[in-house]
PDB file of all heavy atoms in Angstrom:
ATOM      1  N   ALA A   1       0.948  -9.338 -10.053  1.00  0.00           N
ATOM      2  CA  ALA A   1      -0.159 -10.164  -9.361  1.00  0.00           C
ATOM      3  C   ALA A   1       0.534 -11.240  -8.685  1.00  0.00           C
ATOM      4  O   ALA A   1       1.398 -11.965  -9.197  1.00  0.00           O
ATOM      5  CB  ALA A   1      -1.081 -10.635 -10.428  1.00  0.00           C
ATOM      6  N   GLY A   2       0.052 -11.473  -7.465  1.00  0.00           N
ATOM      7  CA  GLY A   2       0.629 -12.574  -6.638  1.00  0.00           C
ATOM      8  C   GLY A   2       1.786 -12.260  -5.864  1.00  0.00           C
ATOM      9  O   GLY A   2       2.341 -13.147  -5.053  1.00  0.00           O
ATOM     10  N   ASP A   3       2.248 -10.983  -5.985  1.00  0.00           N
ATOM     11  CA  ASP A   3       3.463 -10.645  -5.094  1.00  0.00           C
ATOM     12  C   ASP A   3       3.177 -10.607  -3.679  1.00  0.00           C
ATOM     13  O   ASP A   3       2.096 -10.174  -3.270  1.00  0.00           O
ATOM     14  CB  ASP A   3       3.961  -9.114  -5.508  1.00  0.00           C
ATOM     15  CG  ASP A   3       4.705  -9.201  -6.808  1.00  0.00           C
ATOM     16  OD1 ASP A   3       5.035 -10.283  -7.332  1.00  0.00           O
ATOM     17  OD2 ASP A   3       5.029  -8.003  -7.361  1.00  0.00           O
ATOM     18  N   ASN A   4       4.185 -10.902  -2.950  1.00  0.00           N
ATOM     19  CA  ASN A   4       3.993 -10.947  -1.485  1.00  0.00           C
ATOM     20  C   ASN A   4       5.329 -10.573  -0.832  1.00  0.00           C
ATOM     21  O   ASN A   4       6.435 -10.855  -1.249  1.00  0.00           O
ATOM     22  CB  ASN A   4       3.574 -12.233  -0.941  1.00  0.00           C
ATOM     23  CG  ASN A   4       3.084 -12.201   0.597  1.00  0.00           C
ATOM     24  OD1 ASN A   4       2.894 -11.071   1.003  1.00  0.00           O
ATOM     25  ND2 ASN A   4       3.089 -13.382   1.224  1.00  0.00           N
ATOM     26  N   ILE A   5       5.282  -9.555   0.176  1.00  0.00           N
ATOM     27  CA  ILE A   5       6.476  -9.059   0.708  1.00  0.00           C
ATOM     28  C   ILE A   5       6.526  -9.366   2.203  1.00  0.00           C
ATOM     29  O   ILE A   5       5.505  -9.366   2.888  1.00  0.00           O
ATOM     30  CB  ILE A   5       6.710  -7.454   0.400  1.00  0.00           C
ATOM     31  CG1 ILE A   5       5.668  -6.695   1.165  1.00  0.00           C
ATOM     32  CG2 ILE A   5       6.838  -7.251  -1.047  1.00  0.00           C
ATOM     33  CD1 ILE A   5       6.001  -5.230   1.150  1.00  0.00           C
ATOM     34  N   LEU A   6       7.741  -9.446   2.726  1.00  0.00           N
ATOM     35  CA  LEU A   6       8.041  -9.490   4.158  1.00  0.00           C
ATOM     36  C   LEU A   6       9.043  -8.355   4.571  1.00  0.00           C
ATOM     37  O   LEU A   6       9.956  -8.139   3.847  1.00  0.00           O
ATOM     38  CB  LEU A   6       8.628 -10.920   4.570  1.00  0.00           C
ATOM     39  CG  LEU A   6       7.726 -12.050   4.196  1.00  0.00           C
ATOM     40  CD1 LEU A   6       8.542 -13.410   4.558  1.00  0.00           C
ATOM     41  CD2 LEU A   6       6.440 -12.021   5.018  1.00  0.00           C
ATOM     42  N   LEU A   7       8.755  -7.623   5.633  1.00  0.00           N
ATOM     43  CA  LEU A   7       9.623  -6.610   6.018  1.00  0.00           C
ATOM     44  C   LEU A   7      10.184  -6.939   7.476  1.00  0.00           C
ATOM     45  O   LEU A   7       9.499  -7.436   8.265  1.00  0.00           O
ATOM     46  CB  LEU A   7       8.851  -5.245   6.232  1.00  0.00           C
ATOM     47  CG  LEU A   7       8.261  -4.680   4.818  1.00  0.00           C
ATOM     48  CD1 LEU A   7       7.537  -3.374   5.117  1.00  0.00           C
ATOM     49  CD2 LEU A   7       9.441  -4.409   3.898  1.00  0.00           C
ATOM     50  N   SER A   8      11.434  -6.469   7.640  1.00  0.00           N
ATOM     51  CA  SER A   8      12.053  -6.729   8.881  1.00  0.00           C
ATOM     52  C   SER A   8      13.127  -5.753   9.026  1.00  0.00           C
ATOM     53  O   SER A   8      13.890  -5.343   8.067  1.00  0.00           O
ATOM     54  CB  SER A   8      12.603  -8.056   9.104  1.00  0.00           C
ATOM     55  OG  SER A   8      13.625  -8.464   8.165  1.00  0.00           O
ATOM     56  N   ILE A   9      13.414  -5.264  10.254  1.00  0.00           N
ATOM     57  CA  ILE A   9      14.497  -4.299  10.573  1.00  0.00           C
ATOM     58  C   ILE A   9      15.679  -5.163  11.055  1.00  0.00           C
ATOM     59  O   ILE A   9      15.652  -5.784  12.183  1.00  0.00           O
ATOM     60  CB  ILE A   9      14.152  -3.187  11.582  1.00  0.00           C
ATOM     61  CG1 ILE A   9      13.043  -2.365  11.005  1.00  0.00           C
ATOM     62  CG2 ILE A   9      15.333  -2.307  11.916  1.00  0.00           C
ATOM     63  CD1 ILE A   9      12.426  -1.444  11.994  1.00  0.00           C
ATOM     64  N   THR A  10      16.786  -5.186  10.286  1.00  0.00           N
ATOM     65  CA  THR A  10      17.932  -6.116  10.621  1.00  0.00           C
ATOM     66  C   THR A  10      19.050  -5.390  11.260  1.00  0.00           C
ATOM     67  O   THR A  10      19.980  -6.062  11.815  1.00  0.00           O
ATOM     68  CB  THR A  10      18.401  -6.742   9.346  1.00  0.00           C
ATOM     69  OG1 THR A  10      18.897  -5.796   8.449  1.00  0.00           O
ATOM     70  CG2 THR A  10      17.261  -7.660   8.790  1.00  0.00           C
ATOM     71  N   GLY A  11      18.998  -4.049  11.415  1.00  0.00           N
ATOM     72  CA  GLY A  11      20.067  -3.398  12.158  1.00  0.00           C
ATOM     73  C   GLY A  11      19.668  -1.937  12.520  1.00  0.00           C
ATOM     74  O   GLY A  11      18.901  -1.321  11.814  1.00  0.00           O
ATOM     75  N   GLY A  12      20.493  -1.419  13.524  1.00  0.00           N
ATOM     76  CA  GLY A  12      20.178   0.042  13.898  1.00  0.00           C
ATOM     77  C   GLY A  12      18.980   0.279  14.756  1.00  0.00           C
ATOM     78  O   GLY A  12      18.739   1.524  14.940  1.00  0.00           O
ATOM     79  N   ASN A  13      18.233  -0.821  15.187  1.00  0.00           N
ATOM     80  CA  ASN A  13      17.156  -0.476  16.015  1.00  0.00           C
ATOM     81  C   ASN A  13      17.199  -1.006  17.354  1.00  0.00           C
ATOM     82  O   ASN A  13      16.241  -1.644  17.862  1.00  0.00           O
ATOM     83  CB  ASN A  13      15.814  -1.117  15.302  1.00  0.00           C
ATOM     84  CG  ASN A  13      14.557  -0.555  15.775  1.00  0.00           C
ATOM     85  OD1 ASN A  13      14.414   0.589  16.202  1.00  0.00           O
ATOM     86  ND2 ASN A  13      13.510  -1.449  15.681  1.00  0.00           N
ATOM     87  N   GLU A  14      18.358  -0.880  17.990  1.00  0.00           N
ATOM     88  CA  GLU A  14      18.541  -1.640  19.361  1.00  0.00           C
ATOM     89  C   GLU A  14      17.575  -0.977  20.296  1.00  0.00           C
ATOM     90  O   GLU A  14      17.162  -1.789  21.380  1.00  0.00           O
ATOM     91  CB  GLU A  14      20.006  -1.280  19.826  1.00  0.00           C
ATOM     92  CG  GLU A  14      21.069  -2.139  18.991  1.00  0.00           C
ATOM     93  CD  GLU A  14      21.220  -1.478  17.539  1.00  0.00           C
ATOM     94  OE1 GLU A  14      20.852  -0.372  17.418  1.00  0.00           O
ATOM     95  OE2 GLU A  14      21.789  -2.292  16.689  1.00  0.00           O
ATOM     96  N   ALA A  15      17.340   0.304  20.293  1.00  0.00           N
ATOM     97  CA  ALA A  15      16.334   0.913  21.283  1.00  0.00           C
ATOM     98  C   ALA A  15      14.947   0.706  20.963  1.00  0.00           C
ATOM     99  O   ALA A  15      13.966   1.241  21.639  1.00  0.00           O
ATOM    100  CB  ALA A  15      16.649   2.348  21.439  1.00  0.00           C
ATOM    101  N   MET A  16      14.602   0.013  19.849  1.00  0.00           N
ATOM    102  CA  MET A  16      13.190  -0.291  19.420  1.00  0.00           C
ATOM    103  C   MET A  16      12.446   0.857  19.205  1.00  0.00           C
ATOM    104  O   MET A  16      11.180   0.870  19.391  1.00  0.00           O
ATOM    105  CB  MET A  16      12.652  -1.254  20.435  1.00  0.00           C
ATOM    106  CG  MET A  16      13.289  -2.550  20.726  1.00  0.00           C
ATOM    107  SD  MET A  16      13.520  -3.545  19.210  1.00  0.00           S
ATOM    108  CE  MET A  16      11.798  -4.102  19.000  1.00  0.00           C
ATOM    109  N   PHE A  17      13.032   1.989  18.599  1.00  0.00           N
ATOM    110  CA  PHE A  17      12.196   3.099  18.295  1.00  0.00           C
ATOM    111  C   PHE A  17      11.394   2.883  17.007  1.00  0.00           C
ATOM    112  O   PHE A  17      10.272   3.496  16.928  1.00  0.00           O
ATOM    113  CB  PHE A  17      13.129   4.366  17.911  1.00  0.00           C
ATOM    114  CG  PHE A  17      13.528   5.105  19.166  1.00  0.00           C
ATOM    115  CD1 PHE A  17      14.736   4.798  19.842  1.00  0.00           C
ATOM    116  CD2 PHE A  17      12.873   6.135  19.671  1.00  0.00           C
ATOM    117  CE1 PHE A  17      15.162   5.516  20.947  1.00  0.00           C
ATOM    118  CE2 PHE A  17      13.119   6.902  20.750  1.00  0.00           C
ATOM    119  CZ  PHE A  17      14.316   6.594  21.494  1.00  0.00           C
ATOM    120  N   PHE A  18      11.727   1.971  16.157  1.00  0.00           N
ATOM    121  CA  PHE A  18      11.022   1.678  14.932  1.00  0.00           C
ATOM    122  C   PHE A  18      10.421   0.381  14.835  1.00  0.00           C
ATOM    123  O   PHE A  18      10.740  -0.493  15.517  1.00  0.00           O
ATOM    124  CB  PHE A  18      11.904   1.993  13.756  1.00  0.00           C
ATOM    125  CG  PHE A  18      12.512   3.385  13.679  1.00  0.00           C
ATOM    126  CD1 PHE A  18      13.750   3.668  14.377  1.00  0.00           C
ATOM    127  CD2 PHE A  18      11.974   4.377  13.106  1.00  0.00           C
ATOM    128  CE1 PHE A  18      14.296   4.880  14.294  1.00  0.00           C
ATOM    129  CE2 PHE A  18      12.534   5.689  12.997  1.00  0.00           C
ATOM    130  CZ  PHE A  18      13.657   5.920  13.695  1.00  0.00           C
ATOM    131  N   GLY A  19       9.430   0.287  14.004  1.00  0.00           N
ATOM    132  CA  GLY A  19       8.749  -1.027  13.753  1.00  0.00           C
ATOM    133  C   GLY A  19       8.394  -1.018  12.272  1.00  0.00           C
ATOM    134  O   GLY A  19       8.415   0.059  11.513  1.00  0.00           O
ATOM    135  N   THR A  20       7.857  -2.225  11.838  1.00  0.00           N
ATOM    136  CA  THR A  20       7.410  -2.365  10.415  1.00  0.00           C
ATOM    137  C   THR A  20       5.978  -2.868  10.433  1.00  0.00           C
ATOM    138  O   THR A  20       5.485  -3.543  11.417  1.00  0.00           O
ATOM    139  CB  THR A  20       8.201  -3.330   9.624  1.00  0.00           C
ATOM    140  OG1 THR A  20       8.205  -4.644  10.179  1.00  0.00           O
ATOM    141  CG2 THR A  20       9.741  -2.849   9.507  1.00  0.00           C
ATOM    142  N   ARG A  21       5.255  -2.502   9.404  1.00  0.00           N
ATOM    143  CA  ARG A  21       3.817  -2.967   9.161  1.00  0.00           C
ATOM    144  C   ARG A  21       3.510  -3.095   7.818  1.00  0.00           C
ATOM    145  O   ARG A  21       4.020  -2.355   7.079  1.00  0.00           O
ATOM    146  CB  ARG A  21       2.779  -2.110  10.100  1.00  0.00           C
ATOM    147  CG  ARG A  21       2.697  -0.721   9.274  1.00  0.00           C
ATOM    148  CD  ARG A  21       1.630   0.122  10.005  1.00  0.00           C
ATOM    149  NE  ARG A  21       1.316   1.353   9.359  1.00  0.00           N
ATOM    150  CZ  ARG A  21       0.507   1.632   8.434  1.00  0.00           C
ATOM    151  NH1 ARG A  21      -0.271   0.490   8.127  1.00  0.00           N
ATOM    152  NH2 ARG A  21       0.281   2.771   7.827  1.00  0.00           N
ATOM    153  N   ARG A  22       2.674  -4.098   7.447  1.00  0.00           N
ATOM    154  CA  ARG A  22       2.272  -4.307   6.013  1.00  0.00           C
ATOM    155  C   ARG A  22       0.894  -3.696   5.907  1.00  0.00           C
ATOM    156  O   ARG A  22       0.002  -3.890   6.665  1.00  0.00           O
ATOM    157  CB  ARG A  22       2.177  -5.883   5.731  1.00  0.00           C
ATOM    158  CG  ARG A  22       3.528  -6.455   5.546  1.00  0.00           C
ATOM    159  CD  ARG A  22       3.398  -7.689   4.641  1.00  0.00           C
ATOM    160  NE  ARG A  22       2.273  -8.638   4.832  1.00  0.00           N
ATOM    161  CZ  ARG A  22       1.910  -9.463   4.038  1.00  0.00           C
ATOM    162  NH1 ARG A  22       2.631  -9.791   2.900  1.00  0.00           N
ATOM    163  NH2 ARG A  22       0.788 -10.213   4.307  1.00  0.00           N
ATOM    164  N   LEU A  23       0.847  -2.867   4.688  1.00  0.00           N
ATOM    165  CA  LEU A  23      -0.495  -2.309   4.408  1.00  0.00           C
ATOM    166  C   LEU A  23      -1.323  -3.296   3.652  1.00  0.00           C
ATOM    167  O   LEU A  23      -2.437  -3.341   3.761  1.00  0.00           O
ATOM    168  CB  LEU A  23      -0.229  -1.039   3.570  1.00  0.00           C
ATOM    169  CG  LEU A  23      -1.520  -0.350   3.119  1.00  0.00           C
ATOM    170  CD1 LEU A  23      -2.228   0.242   4.329  1.00  0.00           C
ATOM    171  CD2 LEU A  23      -1.010   0.899   2.226  1.00  0.00           C
ATOM    172  N   ASN A  24      -0.569  -4.071   2.711  1.00  0.00           N
ATOM    173  CA  ASN A  24      -1.228  -5.113   1.952  1.00  0.00           C
ATOM    174  C   ASN A  24      -0.029  -6.068   1.491  1.00  0.00           C
ATOM    175  O   ASN A  24       1.056  -5.871   1.882  1.00  0.00           O
ATOM    176  CB  ASN A  24      -2.012  -4.527   0.732  1.00  0.00           C
ATOM    177  CG  ASN A  24      -1.072  -3.584  -0.087  1.00  0.00           C
ATOM    178  OD1 ASN A  24       0.094  -3.905  -0.516  1.00  0.00           O
ATOM    179  ND2 ASN A  24      -1.630  -2.346  -0.325  1.00  0.00           N
ATOM    180  N   PRO A  25      -0.429  -7.128   0.802  1.00  0.00           N
ATOM    181  CA  PRO A  25       0.663  -8.094   0.540  1.00  0.00           C
ATOM    182  C   PRO A  25       1.855  -7.528  -0.307  1.00  0.00           C
ATOM    183  O   PRO A  25       2.947  -8.153  -0.172  1.00  0.00           O
ATOM    184  CB  PRO A  25      -0.037  -9.108  -0.432  1.00  0.00           C
ATOM    185  CG  PRO A  25      -1.442  -9.072  -0.023  1.00  0.00           C
ATOM    186  CD  PRO A  25      -1.733  -7.610   0.286  1.00  0.00           C
ATOM    187  N   TYR A  26       1.784  -6.416  -0.911  1.00  0.00           N
ATOM    188  CA  TYR A  26       2.856  -6.007  -1.719  1.00  0.00           C
ATOM    189  C   TYR A  26       3.324  -4.383  -1.317  1.00  0.00           C
ATOM    190  O   TYR A  26       4.149  -3.800  -1.925  1.00  0.00           O
ATOM    191  CB  TYR A  26       2.560  -5.864  -3.269  1.00  0.00           C
ATOM    192  CG  TYR A  26       1.148  -5.088  -3.567  1.00  0.00           C
ATOM    193  CD1 TYR A  26       1.131  -3.790  -3.607  1.00  0.00           C
ATOM    194  CD2 TYR A  26       0.019  -5.922  -3.640  1.00  0.00           C
ATOM    195  CE1 TYR A  26      -0.038  -3.135  -3.859  1.00  0.00           C
ATOM    196  CE2 TYR A  26      -1.144  -5.275  -3.867  1.00  0.00           C
ATOM    197  CZ  TYR A  26      -1.261  -3.933  -3.909  1.00  0.00           C
ATOM    198  OH  TYR A  26      -2.476  -3.260  -4.095  1.00  0.00           O
ATOM    199  N   MET A  27       2.883  -3.982  -0.201  1.00  0.00           N
ATOM    200  CA  MET A  27       3.366  -2.658   0.369  1.00  0.00           C
ATOM    201  C   MET A  27       3.378  -2.718   1.768  1.00  0.00           C
ATOM    202  O   MET A  27       2.530  -3.291   2.538  1.00  0.00           O
ATOM    203  CB  MET A  27       2.298  -1.540  -0.161  1.00  0.00           C
ATOM    204  CG  MET A  27       2.839  -0.264   0.288  1.00  0.00           C
ATOM    205  SD  MET A  27       1.658   1.078  -0.221  1.00  0.00           S
ATOM    206  CE  MET A  27       1.642   0.862  -1.989  1.00  0.00           C
ATOM    207  N   GLY A  28       4.473  -2.014   2.418  1.00  0.00           N
ATOM    208  CA  GLY A  28       4.573  -1.936   3.887  1.00  0.00           C
ATOM    209  C   GLY A  28       5.259  -0.652   4.257  1.00  0.00           C
ATOM    210  O   GLY A  28       5.722   0.181   3.447  1.00  0.00           O
ATOM    211  N   TYR A  29       5.215  -0.433   5.531  1.00  0.00           N
ATOM    212  CA  TYR A  29       5.869   0.876   5.987  1.00  0.00           C
ATOM    213  C   TYR A  29       6.855   0.507   7.227  1.00  0.00           C
ATOM    214  O   TYR A  29       6.576  -0.399   7.997  1.00  0.00           O
ATOM    215  CB  TYR A  29       4.749   1.775   6.582  1.00  0.00           C
ATOM    216  CG  TYR A  29       3.998   2.436   5.453  1.00  0.00           C
ATOM    217  CD1 TYR A  29       2.745   1.849   4.958  1.00  0.00           C
ATOM    218  CD2 TYR A  29       4.336   3.627   4.969  1.00  0.00           C
ATOM    219  CE1 TYR A  29       2.028   2.441   4.026  1.00  0.00           C
ATOM    220  CE2 TYR A  29       3.589   4.187   3.948  1.00  0.00           C
ATOM    221  CZ  TYR A  29       2.329   3.660   3.499  1.00  0.00           C
ATOM    222  OH  TYR A  29       1.600   4.237   2.506  1.00  0.00           O
ATOM    223  N   VAL A  30       7.728   1.493   7.270  1.00  0.00           N
ATOM    224  CA  VAL A  30       8.555   1.590   8.553  1.00  0.00           C
ATOM    225  C   VAL A  30       8.001   2.676   9.267  1.00  0.00           C
ATOM    226  O   VAL A  30       7.765   3.812   8.725  1.00  0.00           O
ATOM    227  CB  VAL A  30      10.055   1.868   8.165  1.00  0.00           C
ATOM    228  CG1 VAL A  30      10.806   2.055   9.503  1.00  0.00           C
ATOM    229  CG2 VAL A  30      10.638   0.685   7.379  1.00  0.00           C
ATOM    230  N   TYR A  31       7.760   2.567  10.629  1.00  0.00           N
ATOM    231  CA  TYR A  31       7.039   3.626  11.338  1.00  0.00           C
ATOM    232  C   TYR A  31       7.873   3.873  12.549  1.00  0.00           C
ATOM    233  O   TYR A  31       8.593   3.024  13.162  1.00  0.00           O
ATOM    234  CB  TYR A  31       5.568   3.312  11.579  1.00  0.00           C
ATOM    235  CG  TYR A  31       5.412   2.180  12.612  1.00  0.00           C
ATOM    236  CD1 TYR A  31       5.204   2.353  13.969  1.00  0.00           C
ATOM    237  CD2 TYR A  31       5.363   0.753  12.130  1.00  0.00           C
ATOM    238  CE1 TYR A  31       4.922   1.359  14.886  1.00  0.00           C
ATOM    239  CE2 TYR A  31       5.159  -0.246  13.011  1.00  0.00           C
ATOM    240  CZ  TYR A  31       4.934  -0.052  14.419  1.00  0.00           C
ATOM    241  OH  TYR A  31       4.751  -0.985  15.290  1.00  0.00           O
ATOM    242  N   LEU A  32       7.671   5.064  13.158  1.00  0.00           N
ATOM    243  CA  LEU A  32       8.359   5.548  14.337  1.00  0.00           C
ATOM    244  C   LEU A  32       7.361   5.209  15.507  1.00  0.00           C
ATOM    245  O   LEU A  32       6.211   5.620  15.467  1.00  0.00           O
ATOM    246  CB  LEU A  32       8.630   7.000  14.319  1.00  0.00           C
ATOM    247  CG  LEU A  32       9.336   7.627  15.562  1.00  0.00           C
ATOM    248  CD1 LEU A  32      10.698   7.038  15.844  1.00  0.00           C
ATOM    249  CD2 LEU A  32       9.380   9.076  15.526  1.00  0.00           C
ATOM    250  N   ARG A  33       7.665   4.326  16.350  1.00  0.00           N
ATOM    251  CA  ARG A  33       6.757   3.769  17.461  1.00  0.00           C
ATOM    252  C   ARG A  33       6.949   4.549  18.775  1.00  0.00           C
ATOM    253  O   ARG A  33       6.022   4.539  19.622  1.00  0.00           O
ATOM    254  CB  ARG A  33       6.939   2.357  17.565  1.00  0.00           C
ATOM    255  CG  ARG A  33       8.183   1.721  17.757  1.00  0.00           C
ATOM    256  CD  ARG A  33       8.277   0.277  17.734  1.00  0.00           C
ATOM    257  NE  ARG A  33       7.461  -0.343  18.826  1.00  0.00           N
ATOM    258  CZ  ARG A  33       7.909  -0.748  19.971  1.00  0.00           C
ATOM    259  NH1 ARG A  33       9.117  -0.464  20.283  1.00  0.00           N
ATOM    260  NH2 ARG A  33       7.065  -1.197  20.798  1.00  0.00           N
ATOM    261  N   LEU A  34       8.092   5.092  19.038  1.00  0.00           N
ATOM    262  CA  LEU A  34       8.422   5.729  20.273  1.00  0.00           C
ATOM    263  C   LEU A  34       8.842   7.179  20.001  1.00  0.00           C
ATOM    264  O   LEU A  34       9.496   7.471  19.039  1.00  0.00           O
ATOM    265  CB  LEU A  34       9.549   5.032  21.036  1.00  0.00           C
ATOM    266  CG  LEU A  34       9.293   3.609  21.485  1.00  0.00           C
ATOM    267  CD1 LEU A  34      10.555   3.055  22.208  1.00  0.00           C
ATOM    268  CD2 LEU A  34       8.118   3.517  22.290  1.00  0.00           C
TER     269      LEU A  34
END
């Protein structure tokens, strides 16, 4: 209870094919955007 996460792509995404999104405070996804 009370967990909160932050997601970020720190490497390997120079062409910006991928992105991140949070589903809720404690769960997120990496998704293919292009």
